[in-house]
Amino acid sequence: MGNNRTLCRRQNLLIAGFVAFFALCASIQFARAEDPALVVGPNECAECHKKETSIWQKTHHFSTFRDLPRTKEATEIAEKMGIRRIKSDSACLNCHFTEKLEDGKPEPIAGIACESCHGSGKDWYKVHSGFSGKKEGQETPDEIKARWAKSEAAGMIRPSMIYTLARNCFSCHLVPDEKLVNVGGHAAGSAFELVAWSQGEIRHNTWYNKGASNPAASTERQRMLFIVGRIAELETALIGVSKATTKADYALKMATRANNARKVMASLAKLLPDAPELMEIAQIGAKAGLKLNNEAELKDAAGKISVLGLKFANAYDGKAFAAVDKYLPAPDKYKGTVSN
């Protein structure tokens, strides 16, 4: 019996180790959620999500498909990078467009679309919209739970998965390409803050009221978005610094952003002592060396922060975090015009 217990403990430790390892591996990549071979395209989503699609079509996420290649700034960056066609180069495609496999070849089909945030849909879009083989409203609670579990397992990123969503946002709003910045002159990132941007023009909280309105997220969710966004910013900024190899604009901008993110996390840890994950994250960030050619150490720190960020996002609902309310952006600070 004792040997069996020991074997079980070892197996549990091994499983836990694999879970942590894969979480760390997932955290050190700068990439959005979509895979061209698995992308179905926004038209499939629009069949059910008509209101959400209508809102998307009024955003910069939508218009980048048409407008970006025509801008002077994009043309100048492309010339400096030696890019002949913006819609065919990965330096541009990875963040500004959605690609789908057409005749065995990835082709840009839209701007930043549904699957850019919610994951490539081929393996889950029919599952999540199938209502367990019944009509909407006829499923049992267990069937609903099982359907969502299958959708998530197949790659769907749901609105409740805020840390994963936040990392998707930062993977593009914090530009992880040294050459693109130093040679092309591309900005090293935008002044992205998760609450202000998620509650602005891209907001589409319309599904559960059948399109009657598009309300802002609850105060509790905004608190979580604010904190989670800061954690994701620190993680991705550290990864950004890890890509720096030369003392130039990219390295300076990434190190500055990472250092600012560390200071914010230290402040949040003091402000919210009942969430110990924040102090752990702050301490890991503080120890990471913001220097050139330090990829291994910085990715290791980012991986640990990612695991803690996921843990934090899953453990709390924002109700106990009223201390951050004074830092939440007011509606007039939201990015872009909200559509209803």
C-alpha atoms as a PDB file:
ATOM      1  CA  MET A   1       0.000   0.000   0.000  1.00  0.00           C
ATOM      2  CA  GLY A   2       2.839   2.386   0.912  1.00  0.00           C
ATOM      3  CA  ASN A   3       4.518   1.773  -2.445  1.00  0.00           C
ATOM      4  CA  ASN A   4       1.245   2.527  -4.231  1.00  0.00           C
ATOM      5  CA  ARG A   5       0.887   5.816  -2.383  1.00  0.00           C
ATOM      6  CA  THR A   6       4.455   6.745  -3.265  1.00  0.00           C
ATOM      7  CA  LEU A   7       3.853   5.851  -6.919  1.00  0.00           C
ATOM      8  CA  CYS A   8       0.663   7.945  -6.975  1.00  0.00           C
ATOM      9  CA  ARG A   9       2.471  10.907  -5.446  1.00  0.00           C
ATOM     10  CA  ARG A  10       5.231  10.633  -8.035  1.00  0.00           C
ATOM     11  CA  GLN A  11       2.700  10.403 -10.848  1.00  0.00           C
ATOM     12  CA  ASN A  12       0.874  13.476  -9.527  1.00  0.00           C
ATOM     13  CA  LEU A  13       4.128  15.399  -9.297  1.00  0.00           C
ATOM     14  CA  LEU A  14       5.038  14.348 -12.824  1.00  0.00           C
ATOM     15  CA  ILE A  15       1.659  15.456 -14.162  1.00  0.00           C
ATOM     16  CA  ALA A  16       1.934  18.773 -12.332  1.00  0.00           C
ATOM     17  CA  GLY A  17       5.400  19.228 -13.791  1.00  0.00           C
ATOM     18  CA  PHE A  18       4.159  18.657 -17.316  1.00  0.00           C
ATOM     19  CA  VAL A  19       1.285  21.116 -16.778  1.00  0.00           C
ATOM     20  CA  ALA A  20       3.681  23.788 -15.545  1.00  0.00           C
ATOM     21  CA  PHE A  21       6.123  23.065 -18.371  1.00  0.00           C
ATOM     22  CA  PHE A  22       3.532  23.417 -21.108  1.00  0.00           C
ATOM     23  CA  ALA A  23       2.143  26.562 -19.493  1.00  0.00           C
ATOM     24  CA  LEU A  24       5.621  28.057 -19.532  1.00  0.00           C
ATOM     25  CA  CYS A  25       6.168  27.056 -23.155  1.00  0.00           C
ATOM     26  CA  ALA A  26       2.880  28.647 -24.158  1.00  0.00           C
ATOM     27  CA  SER A  27       3.811  31.850 -22.396  1.00  0.00           C
ATOM     28  CA  ILE A  28       7.072  32.544 -24.199  1.00  0.00           C
ATOM     29  CA  GLN A  29       5.648  32.831 -27.693  1.00  0.00           C
ATOM     30  CA  PHE A  30       4.515  36.118 -29.183  1.00  0.00           C
ATOM     31  CA  ALA A  31       1.675  35.058 -31.457  1.00  0.00           C
ATOM     32  CA  ARG A  32      -2.023  35.537 -31.814  1.00  0.00           C
ATOM     33  CA  ALA A  33      -4.460  32.674 -31.444  1.00  0.00           C
ATOM     34  CA  GLU A  34      -5.209  31.940 -35.082  1.00  0.00           C
ATOM     35  CA  ASP A  35      -3.787  29.272 -37.369  1.00  0.00           C
ATOM     36  CA  PRO A  36      -4.542  29.839 -41.102  1.00  0.00           C
ATOM     37  CA  ALA A  37      -5.168  26.114 -41.590  1.00  0.00           C
ATOM     38  CA  LEU A  38      -7.863  26.253 -38.901  1.00  0.00           C
ATOM     39  CA  VAL A  39      -9.386  29.660 -39.642  1.00  0.00           C
ATOM     40  CA  VAL A  40     -12.979  29.626 -40.891  1.00  0.00           C
ATOM     41  CA  GLY A  41     -13.322  33.385 -41.372  1.00  0.00           C
ATOM     42  CA  PRO A  42     -15.663  36.040 -39.988  1.00  0.00           C
ATOM     43  CA  ASN A  43     -18.514  35.133 -42.333  1.00  0.00           C
ATOM     44  CA  GLU A  44     -19.080  31.898 -40.411  1.00  0.00           C
ATOM     45  CA  CYS A  45     -19.298  33.845 -37.137  1.00  0.00           C
ATOM     46  CA  ALA A  46     -21.603  36.423 -38.692  1.00  0.00           C
ATOM     47  CA  GLU A  47     -24.296  33.821 -39.356  1.00  0.00           C
ATOM     48  CA  CYS A  48     -25.240  33.902 -35.665  1.00  0.00           C
ATOM     49  CA  HIS A  49     -23.392  36.980 -34.400  1.00  0.00           C
ATOM     50  CA  LYS A  50     -24.914  39.564 -36.726  1.00  0.00           C
ATOM     51  CA  LYS A  51     -24.902  42.411 -34.202  1.00  0.00           C
ATOM     52  CA  GLU A  52     -21.349  41.716 -33.105  1.00  0.00           C
ATOM     53  CA  THR A  53     -20.238  41.587 -36.735  1.00  0.00           C
ATOM     54  CA  SER A  54     -21.932  44.906 -37.448  1.00  0.00           C
ATOM     55  CA  ILE A  55     -20.023  46.488 -34.563  1.00  0.00           C
ATOM     56  CA  TRP A  56     -16.747  44.956 -35.752  1.00  0.00           C
ATOM     57  CA  GLN A  57     -17.258  46.436 -39.216  1.00  0.00           C
ATOM     58  CA  LYS A  58     -17.110  49.932 -37.681  1.00  0.00           C
ATOM     59  CA  THR A  59     -13.745  49.385 -36.015  1.00  0.00           C
ATOM     60  CA  HIS A  60     -10.122  49.876 -36.981  1.00  0.00           C
ATOM     61  CA  HIS A  61      -9.721  46.128 -36.574  1.00  0.00           C
ATOM     62  CA  PHE A  62     -11.980  45.743 -39.611  1.00  0.00           C
ATOM     63  CA  SER A  63     -10.770  48.683 -41.722  1.00  0.00           C
ATOM     64  CA  THR A  64      -7.069  47.815 -41.489  1.00  0.00           C
ATOM     65  CA  PHE A  65      -7.596  45.219 -44.224  1.00  0.00           C
ATOM     66  CA  ARG A  66      -8.419  47.923 -46.755  1.00  0.00           C
ATOM     67  CA  ASP A  67      -6.724  50.994 -45.324  1.00  0.00           C
ATOM     68  CA  LEU A  68      -3.341  49.872 -44.011  1.00  0.00           C
ATOM     69  CA  PRO A  69      -1.643  49.107 -47.360  1.00  0.00           C
ATOM     70  CA  ARG A  70      -2.658  52.571 -48.589  1.00  0.00           C
ATOM     71  CA  THR A  71      -1.149  54.589 -45.750  1.00  0.00           C
ATOM     72  CA  LYS A  72       2.064  56.555 -46.229  1.00  0.00           C
ATOM     73  CA  GLU A  73       3.466  55.312 -42.917  1.00  0.00           C
ATOM     74  CA  ALA A  74       2.962  51.647 -43.803  1.00  0.00           C
ATOM     75  CA  THR A  75       4.477  52.172 -47.252  1.00  0.00           C
ATOM     76  CA  GLU A  76       7.558  53.845 -45.801  1.00  0.00           C
ATOM     77  CA  ILE A  77       8.044  51.053 -43.245  1.00  0.00           C
ATOM     78  CA  ALA A  78       7.650  48.422 -45.953  1.00  0.00           C
ATOM     79  CA  GLU A  79      10.256  50.122 -48.148  1.00  0.00           C
ATOM     80  CA  LYS A  80      12.770  50.269 -45.305  1.00  0.00           C
ATOM     81  CA  MET A  81      12.150  46.594 -44.557  1.00  0.00           C
ATOM     82  CA  GLY A  82      12.407  45.566 -48.208  1.00  0.00           C
ATOM     83  CA  ILE A  83       8.783  44.415 -48.225  1.00  0.00           C
ATOM     84  CA  ARG A  84       7.230  44.579 -51.684  1.00  0.00           C
ATOM     85  CA  ARG A  85       3.675  43.607 -50.754  1.00  0.00           C
ATOM     86  CA  ILE A  86       2.304  44.348 -47.292  1.00  0.00           C
ATOM     87  CA  LYS A  87      -0.388  41.671 -47.457  1.00  0.00           C
ATOM     88  CA  SER A  88       2.130  38.943 -48.199  1.00  0.00           C
ATOM     89  CA  ASP A  89       4.813  39.519 -45.565  1.00  0.00           C
ATOM     90  CA  SER A  90       4.637  37.970 -42.119  1.00  0.00           C
ATOM     91  CA  ALA A  91       5.952  41.130 -40.468  1.00  0.00           C
ATOM     92  CA  CYS A  92       2.651  42.787 -41.425  1.00  0.00           C
ATOM     93  CA  LEU A  93       0.322  39.790 -41.638  1.00  0.00           C
ATOM     94  CA  ASN A  94       0.891  38.548 -38.105  1.00  0.00           C
ATOM     95  CA  CYS A  95      -0.838  41.496 -36.481  1.00  0.00           C
ATOM     96  CA  HIS A  96      -2.777  43.436 -39.093  1.00  0.00           C
ATOM     97  CA  PHE A  97      -4.618  40.689 -40.965  1.00  0.00           C
ATOM     98  CA  THR A  98      -6.445  37.387 -40.633  1.00  0.00           C
ATOM     99  CA  GLU A  99      -5.185  34.619 -42.890  1.00  0.00           C
ATOM    100  CA  LYS A 100      -7.061  31.569 -44.097  1.00  0.00           C
ATOM    101  CA  LEU A 101      -5.745  28.575 -46.012  1.00  0.00           C
ATOM    102  CA  GLU A 102      -6.996  28.832 -49.604  1.00  0.00           C
ATOM    103  CA  ASP A 103      -5.933  26.091 -52.043  1.00  0.00           C
ATOM    104  CA  GLY A 104      -3.180  25.098 -49.653  1.00  0.00           C
ATOM    105  CA  LYS A 105      -1.792  28.636 -49.349  1.00  0.00           C
ATOM    106  CA  PRO A 106      -2.398  31.176 -46.547  1.00  0.00           C
ATOM    107  CA  GLU A 107      -4.297  34.183 -47.880  1.00  0.00           C
ATOM    108  CA  PRO A 108      -5.311  37.374 -46.047  1.00  0.00           C
ATOM    109  CA  ILE A 109      -9.119  37.496 -45.892  1.00  0.00           C
ATOM    110  CA  ALA A 110      -9.826  40.197 -43.295  1.00  0.00           C
ATOM    111  CA  GLY A 111      -8.290  42.579 -40.811  1.00  0.00           C
ATOM    112  CA  ILE A 112      -8.152  41.716 -37.136  1.00  0.00           C
ATOM    113  CA  ALA A 113     -11.246  39.529 -36.935  1.00  0.00           C
ATOM    114  CA  CYS A 114     -13.127  37.181 -34.589  1.00  0.00           C
ATOM    115  CA  GLU A 115     -10.558  34.415 -34.583  1.00  0.00           C
ATOM    116  CA  SER A 116      -7.706  36.827 -33.899  1.00  0.00           C
ATOM    117  CA  CYS A 117      -9.056  37.077 -30.369  1.00  0.00           C
ATOM    118  CA  HIS A 118     -11.165  33.954 -29.884  1.00  0.00           C
ATOM    119  CA  GLY A 119      -8.935  31.378 -31.530  1.00  0.00           C
ATOM    120  CA  SER A 120      -8.970  29.612 -34.891  1.00  0.00           C
ATOM    121  CA  GLY A 121     -12.474  28.234 -35.194  1.00  0.00           C
ATOM    122  CA  LYS A 122     -12.396  25.147 -37.403  1.00  0.00           C
ATOM    123  CA  ASP A 123     -12.297  22.714 -34.490  1.00  0.00           C
ATOM    124  CA  TRP A 124     -14.816  24.452 -32.241  1.00  0.00           C
ATOM    125  CA  TYR A 125     -17.212  26.789 -34.062  1.00  0.00           C
ATOM    126  CA  LYS A 126     -19.765  24.065 -34.857  1.00  0.00           C
ATOM    127  CA  VAL A 127     -19.500  22.608 -31.360  1.00  0.00           C
ATOM    128  CA  HIS A 128     -20.087  25.927 -29.592  1.00  0.00           C
ATOM    129  CA  SER A 129     -23.028  26.839 -31.823  1.00  0.00           C
ATOM    130  CA  GLY A 130     -24.607  23.379 -31.981  1.00  0.00           C
ATOM    131  CA  PHE A 131     -26.566  23.558 -28.695  1.00  0.00           C
ATOM    132  CA  SER A 132     -25.755  19.891 -28.045  1.00  0.00           C
ATOM    133  CA  GLY A 133     -27.824  18.887 -31.060  1.00  0.00           C
ATOM    134  CA  LYS A 134     -30.902  20.693 -29.758  1.00  0.00           C
ATOM    135  CA  LYS A 135     -32.515  24.074 -30.296  1.00  0.00           C
ATOM    136  CA  GLU A 136     -31.302  27.082 -28.355  1.00  0.00           C
ATOM    137  CA  GLY A 137     -32.762  27.054 -24.856  1.00  0.00           C
ATOM    138  CA  GLN A 138     -33.446  23.301 -24.776  1.00  0.00           C
ATOM    139  CA  GLU A 139     -30.119  22.104 -23.364  1.00  0.00           C
ATOM    140  CA  THR A 140     -29.743  20.892 -19.815  1.00  0.00           C
ATOM    141  CA  PRO A 141     -27.175  22.657 -17.580  1.00  0.00           C
ATOM    142  CA  ASP A 142     -24.900  19.630 -17.875  1.00  0.00           C
ATOM    143  CA  GLU A 143     -25.108  19.706 -21.664  1.00  0.00           C
ATOM    144  CA  ILE A 144     -24.256  23.404 -21.716  1.00  0.00           C
ATOM    145  CA  LYS A 145     -21.283  22.838 -19.430  1.00  0.00           C
ATOM    146  CA  ALA A 146     -20.056  19.942 -21.553  1.00  0.00           C
ATOM    147  CA  ARG A 147     -20.464  21.938 -24.775  1.00  0.00           C
ATOM    148  CA  TRP A 148     -18.371  24.816 -23.476  1.00  0.00           C
ATOM    149  CA  ALA A 149     -15.751  22.434 -22.133  1.00  0.00           C
ATOM    150  CA  LYS A 150     -15.457  20.783 -25.564  1.00  0.00           C
ATOM    151  CA  SER A 151     -15.245  24.192 -27.264  1.00  0.00           C
ATOM    152  CA  GLU A 152     -12.467  25.354 -24.970  1.00  0.00           C
ATOM    153  CA  ALA A 153     -10.577  22.081 -25.358  1.00  0.00           C
ATOM    154  CA  ALA A 154     -10.768  22.541 -29.134  1.00  0.00           C
ATOM    155  CA  GLY A 155      -9.206  26.016 -28.929  1.00  0.00           C
ATOM    156  CA  MET A 156     -12.005  28.496 -28.323  1.00  0.00           C
ATOM    157  CA  ILE A 157     -10.977  31.485 -26.223  1.00  0.00           C
ATOM    158  CA  ARG A 158     -14.097  32.643 -24.389  1.00  0.00           C
ATOM    159  CA  PRO A 159     -14.681  36.101 -22.865  1.00  0.00           C
ATOM    160  CA  SER A 160     -14.230  34.590 -19.401  1.00  0.00           C
ATOM    161  CA  MET A 161     -10.636  33.636 -20.279  1.00  0.00           C
ATOM    162  CA  ILE A 162      -9.408  37.165 -19.705  1.00  0.00           C
ATOM    163  CA  TYR A 163      -5.719  36.441 -19.238  1.00  0.00           C
ATOM    164  CA  THR A 164      -5.491  34.572 -22.527  1.00  0.00           C
ATOM    165  CA  LEU A 165      -7.399  37.353 -24.264  1.00  0.00           C
ATOM    166  CA  ALA A 166      -5.145  39.983 -22.696  1.00  0.00           C
ATOM    167  CA  ARG A 167      -2.034  38.211 -23.921  1.00  0.00           C
ATOM    168  CA  ASN A 168      -3.503  38.110 -27.418  1.00  0.00           C
ATOM    169  CA  CYS A 169      -3.987  41.868 -27.303  1.00  0.00           C
ATOM    170  CA  PHE A 170      -0.488  42.588 -26.055  1.00  0.00           C
ATOM    171  CA  SER A 171       1.101  40.189 -28.546  1.00  0.00           C
ATOM    172  CA  CYS A 172       0.422  42.835 -31.197  1.00  0.00           C
ATOM    173  CA  HIS A 173       0.053  46.070 -29.249  1.00  0.00           C
ATOM    174  CA  LEU A 174       3.570  45.522 -27.918  1.00  0.00           C
ATOM    175  CA  VAL A 175       5.635  44.906 -31.051  1.00  0.00           C
ATOM    176  CA  PRO A 176       8.076  42.003 -30.544  1.00  0.00           C
ATOM    177  CA  ASP A 177      10.182  42.567 -33.661  1.00  0.00           C
ATOM    178  CA  GLU A 178      13.553  44.254 -33.237  1.00  0.00           C
ATOM    179  CA  LYS A 179      14.192  44.679 -36.967  1.00  0.00           C
ATOM    180  CA  LEU A 180      10.726  46.101 -37.605  1.00  0.00           C
ATOM    181  CA  VAL A 181      11.375  48.826 -35.042  1.00  0.00           C
ATOM    182  CA  ASN A 182      15.075  49.552 -35.583  1.00  0.00           C
ATOM    183  CA  VAL A 183      15.153  49.223 -39.372  1.00  0.00           C
ATOM    184  CA  GLY A 184      11.561  49.807 -40.421  1.00  0.00           C
ATOM    185  CA  GLY A 185      10.858  52.623 -37.981  1.00  0.00           C
ATOM    186  CA  HIS A 186       7.684  50.944 -36.736  1.00  0.00           C
ATOM    187  CA  ALA A 187       6.529  52.028 -33.287  1.00  0.00           C
ATOM    188  CA  ALA A 188       7.602  49.638 -30.525  1.00  0.00           C
ATOM    189  CA  GLY A 189       4.022  49.400 -29.329  1.00  0.00           C
ATOM    190  CA  SER A 190       0.929  51.428 -28.559  1.00  0.00           C
ATOM    191  CA  ALA A 191      -0.216  53.022 -25.318  1.00  0.00           C
ATOM    192  CA  PHE A 192      -2.454  50.027 -24.742  1.00  0.00           C
ATOM    193  CA  GLU A 193      -4.515  49.698 -21.557  1.00  0.00           C
ATOM    194  CA  LEU A 194      -6.943  46.787 -21.454  1.00  0.00           C
ATOM    195  CA  VAL A 195      -9.996  48.505 -19.943  1.00  0.00           C
ATOM    196  CA  ALA A 196      -9.886  51.611 -22.118  1.00  0.00           C
ATOM    197  CA  TRP A 197      -9.382  49.641 -25.314  1.00  0.00           C
ATOM    198  CA  SER A 198     -11.745  46.733 -24.612  1.00  0.00           C
ATOM    199  CA  GLN A 199     -14.577  49.057 -23.599  1.00  0.00           C
ATOM    200  CA  GLY A 200     -14.166  51.358 -26.594  1.00  0.00           C
ATOM    201  CA  GLU A 201     -15.006  50.809 -30.243  1.00  0.00           C
ATOM    202  CA  ILE A 202     -14.353  47.054 -30.172  1.00  0.00           C
ATOM    203  CA  ARG A 203     -16.841  46.477 -27.312  1.00  0.00           C
ATOM    204  CA  HIS A 204     -19.524  43.968 -28.308  1.00  0.00           C
ATOM    205  CA  ASN A 205     -21.411  42.953 -25.159  1.00  0.00           C
ATOM    206  CA  THR A 206     -24.592  42.269 -27.100  1.00  0.00           C
ATOM    207  CA  TRP A 207     -25.094  38.506 -27.203  1.00  0.00           C
ATOM    208  CA  TYR A 208     -26.990  37.985 -23.951  1.00  0.00           C
ATOM    209  CA  ASN A 209     -29.487  40.772 -24.559  1.00  0.00           C
ATOM    210  CA  LYS A 210     -30.082  39.814 -28.213  1.00  0.00           C
ATOM    211  CA  GLY A 211     -28.507  43.009 -29.488  1.00  0.00           C
ATOM    212  CA  ALA A 212     -30.753  45.366 -27.530  1.00  0.00           C
ATOM    213  CA  SER A 213     -27.764  47.269 -26.110  1.00  0.00           C
ATOM    214  CA  ASN A 214     -24.007  47.216 -25.810  1.00  0.00           C
ATOM    215  CA  PRO A 215     -23.281  47.902 -22.128  1.00  0.00           C
ATOM    216  CA  ALA A 216     -19.858  48.418 -20.605  1.00  0.00           C
ATOM    217  CA  ALA A 217     -18.426  45.599 -18.536  1.00  0.00           C
ATOM    218  CA  SER A 218     -19.395  45.507 -14.873  1.00  0.00           C
ATOM    219  CA  THR A 219     -17.176  47.310 -12.387  1.00  0.00           C
ATOM    220  CA  GLU A 220     -15.974  43.955 -11.057  1.00  0.00           C
ATOM    221  CA  ARG A 221     -14.929  42.782 -14.512  1.00  0.00           C
ATOM    222  CA  GLN A 222     -13.255  46.106 -15.245  1.00  0.00           C
ATOM    223  CA  ARG A 223     -11.203  45.706 -12.078  1.00  0.00           C
ATOM    224  CA  MET A 224     -10.078  42.284 -13.257  1.00  0.00           C
ATOM    225  CA  LEU A 225      -9.338  43.577 -16.753  1.00  0.00           C
ATOM    226  CA  PHE A 226      -7.258  46.395 -15.307  1.00  0.00           C
ATOM    227  CA  ILE A 227      -5.130  44.136 -13.112  1.00  0.00           C
ATOM    228  CA  VAL A 228      -4.855  41.279 -15.588  1.00  0.00           C
ATOM    229  CA  GLY A 229      -3.858  43.747 -18.280  1.00  0.00           C
ATOM    230  CA  ARG A 230      -0.998  44.970 -16.122  1.00  0.00           C
ATOM    231  CA  ILE A 231       0.203  41.425 -15.519  1.00  0.00           C
ATOM    232  CA  ALA A 232       0.053  40.592 -19.228  1.00  0.00           C
ATOM    233  CA  GLU A 233       1.905  43.798 -20.057  1.00  0.00           C
ATOM    234  CA  LEU A 234       4.757  42.862 -17.740  1.00  0.00           C
ATOM    235  CA  GLU A 235       4.937  39.348 -19.175  1.00  0.00           C
ATOM    236  CA  THR A 236       4.980  40.475 -22.796  1.00  0.00           C
ATOM    237  CA  ALA A 237       7.341  43.385 -22.112  1.00  0.00           C
ATOM    238  CA  LEU A 238       9.867  40.970 -20.607  1.00  0.00           C
ATOM    239  CA  ILE A 239       9.554  38.777 -23.696  1.00  0.00           C
ATOM    240  CA  GLY A 240      10.036  41.905 -25.777  1.00  0.00           C
ATOM    241  CA  VAL A 241      13.261  42.750 -23.964  1.00  0.00           C
ATOM    242  CA  SER A 242      14.401  39.148 -24.421  1.00  0.00           C
ATOM    243  CA  LYS A 243      14.381  39.753 -28.201  1.00  0.00           C
ATOM    244  CA  ALA A 244      16.753  42.733 -27.919  1.00  0.00           C
ATOM    245  CA  THR A 245      20.263  42.121 -29.262  1.00  0.00           C
ATOM    246  CA  THR A 246      21.552  45.623 -30.009  1.00  0.00           C
ATOM    247  CA  LYS A 247      21.562  48.880 -28.089  1.00  0.00           C
ATOM    248  CA  ALA A 248      19.082  50.797 -30.207  1.00  0.00           C
ATOM    249  CA  ASP A 249      15.520  52.145 -30.184  1.00  0.00           C
ATOM    250  CA  TYR A 250      13.830  48.771 -29.781  1.00  0.00           C
ATOM    251  CA  ALA A 251      15.874  47.730 -26.749  1.00  0.00           C
ATOM    252  CA  LEU A 252      15.395  51.115 -25.083  1.00  0.00           C
ATOM    253  CA  LYS A 253      11.626  51.200 -25.643  1.00  0.00           C
ATOM    254  CA  MET A 254      11.095  47.622 -24.483  1.00  0.00           C
ATOM    255  CA  ALA A 255      13.246  48.025 -21.395  1.00  0.00           C
ATOM    256  CA  THR A 256      11.443  51.253 -20.486  1.00  0.00           C
ATOM    257  CA  ARG A 257       8.066  49.582 -20.866  1.00  0.00           C
ATOM    258  CA  ALA A 258       9.117  46.562 -18.850  1.00  0.00           C
ATOM    259  CA  ASN A 259      10.524  48.738 -16.085  1.00  0.00           C
ATOM    260  CA  ASN A 260       7.332  50.804 -15.925  1.00  0.00           C
ATOM    261  CA  ALA A 261       5.288  47.596 -15.833  1.00  0.00           C
ATOM    262  CA  ARG A 262       7.398  46.362 -12.923  1.00  0.00           C
ATOM    263  CA  LYS A 263       6.710  49.537 -10.983  1.00  0.00           C
ATOM    264  CA  VAL A 264       2.970  49.244 -11.606  1.00  0.00           C
ATOM    265  CA  MET A 265       2.961  45.621 -10.434  1.00  0.00           C
ATOM    266  CA  ALA A 266       4.829  46.568  -7.265  1.00  0.00           C
ATOM    267  CA  SER A 267       2.200  49.233  -6.557  1.00  0.00           C
ATOM    268  CA  LEU A 268      -0.675  46.824  -7.224  1.00  0.00           C
ATOM    269  CA  ALA A 269       0.878  44.220  -4.938  1.00  0.00           C
ATOM    270  CA  LYS A 270       0.925  46.744  -2.090  1.00  0.00           C
ATOM    271  CA  LEU A 271      -2.569  47.992  -2.901  1.00  0.00           C
ATOM    272  CA  LEU A 272      -4.073  44.475  -2.940  1.00  0.00           C
ATOM    273  CA  PRO A 273      -2.234  42.428  -0.281  1.00  0.00           C
ATOM    274  CA  ASP A 274      -5.019  39.816  -0.182  1.00  0.00           C
ATOM    275  CA  ALA A 275      -4.012  38.654  -3.671  1.00  0.00           C
ATOM    276  CA  PRO A 276      -0.572  37.118  -2.981  1.00  0.00           C
ATOM    277  CA  GLU A 277      -0.059  36.237  -6.639  1.00  0.00           C
ATOM    278  CA  LEU A 278       0.537  39.926  -7.346  1.00  0.00           C
ATOM    279  CA  MET A 279       3.457  40.112  -4.946  1.00  0.00           C
ATOM    280  CA  GLU A 280       4.949  36.971  -6.463  1.00  0.00           C
ATOM    281  CA  ILE A 281       4.639  38.480  -9.931  1.00  0.00           C
ATOM    282  CA  ALA A 282       6.176  41.773  -8.779  1.00  0.00           C
ATOM    283  CA  GLN A 283       9.130  39.971  -7.206  1.00  0.00           C
ATOM    284  CA  ILE A 284       9.779  37.849 -10.301  1.00  0.00           C
ATOM    285  CA  GLY A 285       9.647  40.922 -12.522  1.00  0.00           C
ATOM    286  CA  ALA A 286      11.959  42.891 -10.249  1.00  0.00           C
ATOM    287  CA  LYS A 287      14.637  40.194 -10.405  1.00  0.00           C
ATOM    288  CA  ALA A 288      14.612  39.873 -14.199  1.00  0.00           C
ATOM    289  CA  GLY A 289      17.635  41.564 -15.773  1.00  0.00           C
ATOM    290  CA  LEU A 290      16.572  44.109 -18.390  1.00  0.00           C
ATOM    291  CA  LYS A 291      19.672  43.794 -20.541  1.00  0.00           C
ATOM    292  CA  LEU A 292      20.698  42.758 -24.030  1.00  0.00           C
ATOM    293  CA  ASN A 293      21.034  39.111 -25.038  1.00  0.00           C
ATOM    294  CA  ASN A 294      19.373  37.845 -21.876  1.00  0.00           C
ATOM    295  CA  GLU A 295      16.725  35.724 -23.528  1.00  0.00           C
ATOM    296  CA  ALA A 296      16.812  32.640 -21.317  1.00  0.00           C
ATOM    297  CA  GLU A 297      16.427  34.498 -18.023  1.00  0.00           C
ATOM    298  CA  LEU A 298      13.744  36.853 -19.305  1.00  0.00           C
ATOM    299  CA  LYS A 299      11.674  34.115 -20.925  1.00  0.00           C
ATOM    300  CA  ASP A 300      11.886  32.089 -17.745  1.00  0.00           C
ATOM    301  CA  ALA A 301      10.601  35.066 -15.739  1.00  0.00           C
ATOM    302  CA  ALA A 302       7.854  35.704 -18.300  1.00  0.00           C
ATOM    303  CA  GLY A 303       6.794  32.061 -18.158  1.00  0.00           C
ATOM    304  CA  LYS A 304       6.459  32.137 -14.383  1.00  0.00           C
ATOM    305  CA  ILE A 305       4.464  35.363 -14.589  1.00  0.00           C
ATOM    306  CA  SER A 306       2.166  33.789 -17.187  1.00  0.00           C
ATOM    307  CA  VAL A 307       1.389  30.856 -14.888  1.00  0.00           C
ATOM    308  CA  LEU A 308       0.665  33.226 -12.003  1.00  0.00           C
ATOM    309  CA  GLY A 309      -1.390  35.505 -14.247  1.00  0.00           C
ATOM    310  CA  LEU A 310      -3.618  32.600 -15.283  1.00  0.00           C
ATOM    311  CA  LYS A 311      -3.902  31.541 -11.652  1.00  0.00           C
ATOM    312  CA  PHE A 312      -4.887  35.055 -10.586  1.00  0.00           C
ATOM    313  CA  ALA A 313      -7.471  35.454 -13.353  1.00  0.00           C
ATOM    314  CA  ASN A 314      -9.100  32.141 -12.428  1.00  0.00           C
ATOM    315  CA  ALA A 315      -9.074  32.716  -8.672  1.00  0.00           C
ATOM    316  CA  TYR A 316     -10.804  36.088  -8.335  1.00  0.00           C
ATOM    317  CA  ASP A 317     -13.933  37.865  -9.553  1.00  0.00           C
ATOM    318  CA  GLY A 318     -12.970  41.471  -8.813  1.00  0.00           C
ATOM    319  CA  LYS A 319     -15.428  42.017  -5.970  1.00  0.00           C
ATOM    320  CA  ALA A 320     -12.689  42.554  -3.377  1.00  0.00           C
ATOM    321  CA  PHE A 321     -10.616  44.908  -5.533  1.00  0.00           C
ATOM    322  CA  ALA A 322     -12.443  48.216  -5.054  1.00  0.00           C
ATOM    323  CA  ALA A 323      -9.088  49.819  -4.237  1.00  0.00           C
ATOM    324  CA  VAL A 324      -8.314  50.005  -7.971  1.00  0.00           C
ATOM    325  CA  ASP A 325     -11.532  51.829  -8.891  1.00  0.00           C
ATOM    326  CA  LYS A 326      -9.849  55.234  -8.808  1.00  0.00           C
ATOM    327  CA  TYR A 327      -7.457  54.018 -11.502  1.00  0.00           C
ATOM    328  CA  LEU A 328     -10.085  52.690 -13.907  1.00  0.00           C
ATOM    329  CA  PRO A 329     -10.405  54.855 -17.031  1.00  0.00           C
ATOM    330  CA  ALA A 330     -13.590  56.892 -17.281  1.00  0.00           C
ATOM    331  CA  PRO A 331     -15.846  56.369 -20.321  1.00  0.00           C
ATOM    332  CA  ASP A 332     -14.457  59.487 -21.994  1.00  0.00           C
ATOM    333  CA  LYS A 333     -11.059  57.764 -22.018  1.00  0.00           C
ATOM    334  CA  TYR A 334     -12.274  54.676 -23.876  1.00  0.00           C
ATOM    335  CA  LYS A 335     -10.520  54.095 -27.190  1.00  0.00           C
ATOM    336  CA  GLY A 336     -12.811  54.982 -30.089  1.00  0.00           C
ATOM    337  CA  THR A 337     -16.547  55.406 -30.386  1.00  0.00           C
ATOM    338  CA  VAL A 338     -18.780  52.685 -28.945  1.00  0.00           C
ATOM    339  CA  SER A 339     -21.457  51.305 -31.294  1.00  0.00           C
ATOM    340  CA  ASN A 340     -24.896  50.121 -30.203  1.00  0.00           C
END
